C-alpha atoms as a PDB file:
ATOM      1  CA  HIS A   1      62.001  10.184  70.273  1.00  0.00           C
ATOM      2  CA  GLU A   2      59.610  10.837  73.130  1.00  0.00           C
ATOM      3  CA  GLN A   3      57.609  13.333  71.111  1.00  0.00           C
ATOM      4  CA  LEU A   4      57.444  10.961  68.136  1.00  0.00           C
ATOM      5  CA  LEU A   5      56.373   8.149  70.404  1.00  0.00           C
ATOM      6  CA  THR A   6      53.657  10.326  71.960  1.00  0.00           C
ATOM      7  CA  MET A   7      52.384  11.340  68.509  1.00  0.00           C
ATOM      8  CA  MET A   8      52.312   7.737  67.398  1.00  0.00           C
ATOM      9  CA  GLU A   9      50.403   6.724  70.541  1.00  0.00           C
ATOM     10  CA  GLU A  10      47.859   9.519  70.000  1.00  0.00           C
ATOM     11  CA  ARG A  11      47.477   8.508  66.386  1.00  0.00           C
ATOM     12  CA  MET A  12      47.004   4.856  67.396  1.00  0.00           C
ATOM     13  CA  MET A  13      44.367   5.864  69.938  1.00  0.00           C
ATOM     14  CA  ASP A  14      42.601   7.944  67.294  1.00  0.00           C
ATOM     15  CA  VAL A  15      42.698   5.037  64.835  1.00  0.00           C
ATOM     16  CA  GLU A  16      41.398   2.640  67.508  1.00  0.00           C
ATOM     17  CA  GLN A  17      38.560   5.031  68.335  1.00  0.00           C
ATOM     18  CA  LYS A  18      37.648   5.318  64.660  1.00  0.00           C
ATOM     19  CA  LEU A  19      37.769   1.529  64.321  1.00  0.00           C
ATOM     20  CA  ARG A  20      35.430   1.123  67.307  1.00  0.00           C
ATOM     21  CA  LEU A  21      33.047   3.630  65.723  1.00  0.00           C
ATOM     22  CA  VAL A  22      33.163   1.797  62.381  1.00  0.00           C
ATOM     23  CA  LYS A  23      32.615  -1.506  64.208  1.00  0.00           C
ATOM     24  CA  ARG A  24      29.522  -0.086  65.959  1.00  0.00           C
ATOM     25  CA  LEU A  25      28.201   1.293  62.678  1.00  0.00           C
ATOM     26  CA  LEU A  26      28.724  -2.071  60.996  1.00  0.00           C
ATOM     27  CA  GLN A  27      27.005  -3.884  63.860  1.00  0.00           C
ATOM     28  CA  ASP A  28      24.054  -1.506  63.572  1.00  0.00           C
ATOM     29  CA  LYS A  29      23.918  -2.089  59.841  1.00  0.00           C
ATOM     30  CA  VAL A  30      24.073  -5.875  60.332  1.00  0.00           C
ATOM     31  CA  HIS A  31      21.211  -5.639  62.843  1.00  0.00           C
ATOM     32  CA  GLN A  32      19.215  -3.467  60.446  1.00  0.00           C
ATOM     33  CA  LEU A  33      19.788  -5.904  57.578  1.00  0.00           C
ATOM     34  CA  LYS A  34      18.793  -8.875  59.753  1.00  0.00           C
ATOM     35  CA  GLU A  35      15.553  -7.104  60.639  1.00  0.00           C
ATOM     36  CA  GLN A  36      14.923  -6.348  56.975  1.00  0.00           C
ATOM     37  CA  LEU A  37      15.615  -9.977  56.065  1.00  0.00           C
ATOM     38  CA  SER A  38      13.122 -11.092  58.704  1.00  0.00           C
ATOM     39  CA  LYS A  39      10.506  -8.682  57.339  1.00  0.00           C
ATOM     40  CA  ASN A  40      11.212  -9.813  53.775  1.00  0.00           C
ATOM     41  CA  THR A  41      10.892 -13.458  54.794  1.00  0.00           C
ATOM     42  CA  LYS A  42       7.519 -12.747  56.413  1.00  0.00           C
ATOM     43  CA  ALA A  43       6.385 -10.762  53.375  1.00  0.00           C
ATOM     44  CA  ASP A  44       7.524 -13.595  51.085  1.00  0.00           C
ATOM     45  CA  ALA A  45       5.488 -16.087  53.107  1.00  0.00           C
ATOM     46  CA  MET A  46       2.463 -13.786  52.919  1.00  0.00           C
ATOM     47  CA  VAL A  47       2.855 -13.430  49.156  1.00  0.00           C
ATOM     48  CA  LYS A  48       3.019 -17.210  48.789  1.00  0.00           C
ATOM     49  CA  ASP A  49      -0.094 -17.600  50.962  1.00  0.00           C
ATOM     50  CA  LEU A  50      -1.900 -14.971  48.903  1.00  0.00           C
ATOM     51  CA  TYR A  51      -0.825 -16.698  45.695  1.00  0.00           C
ATOM     52  CA  VAL A  52      -2.277 -19.996  46.939  1.00  0.00           C
ATOM     53  CA  GLU A  53      -5.450 -18.288  48.150  1.00  0.00           C
ATOM     54  CA  ASN A  54      -5.794 -16.473  44.828  1.00  0.00           C
ATOM     55  CA  ALA A  55      -5.468 -19.770  42.940  1.00  0.00           C
ATOM     56  CA  GLN A  56      -8.155 -21.299  45.155  1.00  0.00           C
ATOM     57  CA  LEU A  57     -10.446 -18.313  44.620  1.00  0.00           C
ATOM     58  CA  LEU A  58      -9.914 -18.458  40.863  1.00  0.00           C
ATOM     59  CA  LYS A  59     -10.828 -22.153  40.871  1.00  0.00           C
ATOM     60  CA  ALA A  60     -13.920 -21.443  42.985  1.00  0.00           C
ATOM     61  CA  LEU A  61     -14.893 -18.643  40.591  1.00  0.00           C
ATOM     62  CA  GLU A  62     -14.441 -20.957  37.623  1.00  0.00           C
ATOM     63  CA  VAL A  63     -16.652 -23.602  39.263  1.00  0.00           C
ATOM     64  CA  THR A  64     -19.261 -20.956  40.139  1.00  0.00           C
ATOM     65  CA  GLU A  65     -19.272 -19.589  36.586  1.00  0.00           C
ATOM     66  CA  GLN A  66     -19.674 -23.110  35.222  1.00  0.00           C
ATOM     67  CA  ARG A  67     -22.590 -23.727  37.583  1.00  0.00           C
ATOM     68  CA  GLN A  68     -24.159 -20.440  36.499  1.00  0.00           C
ATOM     69  CA  LYS A  69     -23.861 -21.410  32.831  1.00  0.00           C
ATOM     70  CA  THR A  70     -25.407 -24.809  33.586  1.00  0.00           C
ATOM     71  CA  ALA A  71     -28.243 -23.150  35.517  1.00  0.00           C
ATOM     72  CA  GLU A  72     -28.822 -20.690  32.663  1.00  0.00           C
ATOM     73  CA  ARG A  73     -28.969 -23.577  30.158  1.00  0.00           C
ATOM     74  CA  LYS A  74     -31.409 -25.473  32.350  1.00  0.00           C
ATOM     75  CA  ASN A  75     -33.492 -22.335  32.801  1.00  0.00           C
ATOM     76  CA  TYR A  76     -33.580 -21.793  29.041  1.00  0.00           C
ATOM     77  CA  LEU A  77     -34.657 -25.405  28.461  1.00  0.00           C
ATOM     78  CA  LEU A  78     -37.367 -25.099  31.112  1.00  0.00           C
ATOM     79  CA  GLU A  79     -38.641 -21.884  29.526  1.00  0.00           C
ATOM     80  CA  GLU A  80     -38.824 -23.671  26.164  1.00  0.00           C
ATOM     81  CA  LYS A  81     -40.718 -26.569  27.755  1.00  0.00           C
ATOM     82  CA  ILE A  82     -43.140 -24.143  29.410  1.00  0.00           C
ATOM     83  CA  ALA A  83     -43.714 -22.376  26.091  1.00  0.00           C
ATOM     84  CA  ASN A  84     -44.290 -25.744  24.373  1.00  0.00           C
ATOM     85  CA  LEU A  85     -46.652 -26.869  27.122  1.00  0.00           C
ATOM     86  CA  ASN A  86     -48.550 -23.580  26.846  1.00  0.00           C
ATOM     87  CA  ARG A  87     -48.937 -24.152  23.075  1.00  0.00           C
ATOM     88  CA  ILE A  88     -50.144 -27.701  23.678  1.00  0.00           C
ATOM     89  CA  VAL A  89     -52.658 -26.532  26.288  1.00  0.00           C
ATOM     90  CA  LYS A  90     -53.813 -23.736  23.990  1.00  0.00           C
ATOM     91  CA  ASN A  91     -54.220 -26.184  21.090  1.00  0.00           C
ATOM     92  CA  LEU A  92     -56.103 -28.648  23.298  1.00  0.00           C
ATOM     93  CA  ALA A  93     -58.359 -25.948  24.697  1.00  0.00           C
ATOM     94  CA  SER A  94     -59.156 -24.362  21.333  1.00  0.00           C
ATOM     95  CA  PRO A  95     -61.272 -27.210  19.808  1.00  0.00           C
ATOM     96  CA  SER A  96     -63.259 -27.697  23.021  1.00  0.00           C
ATOM     97  CA  PHE A  97     -64.608 -24.144  22.858  1.00  0.00           C
ATOM     98  CA  SER A  98     -65.624 -24.334  19.228  1.00  0.00           C
ATOM     99  CA  PRO A  99     -69.401 -24.970  18.554  1.00  0.00           C
END
């Protein structure tokens, strides 16, 4: 009985030691996962911020492109007016030089 009792005690001690080791490993894993969750949360917030910033930049680009198109149209119209004014001046100047 004594020998059996001693073996059982040794086995219990071994099991307890293994359980403590498993508990430490699980605690480490929990800590690691909490850190990863924190990093993921920060990364998620950054992605959301970048998404908002990207939307703002796209809107600004759209406005800028629209302004450029408007400026190009105005430039084209001004060039046409200049060409028309040059024709008018040329036509007005032509008869005054004739004898």
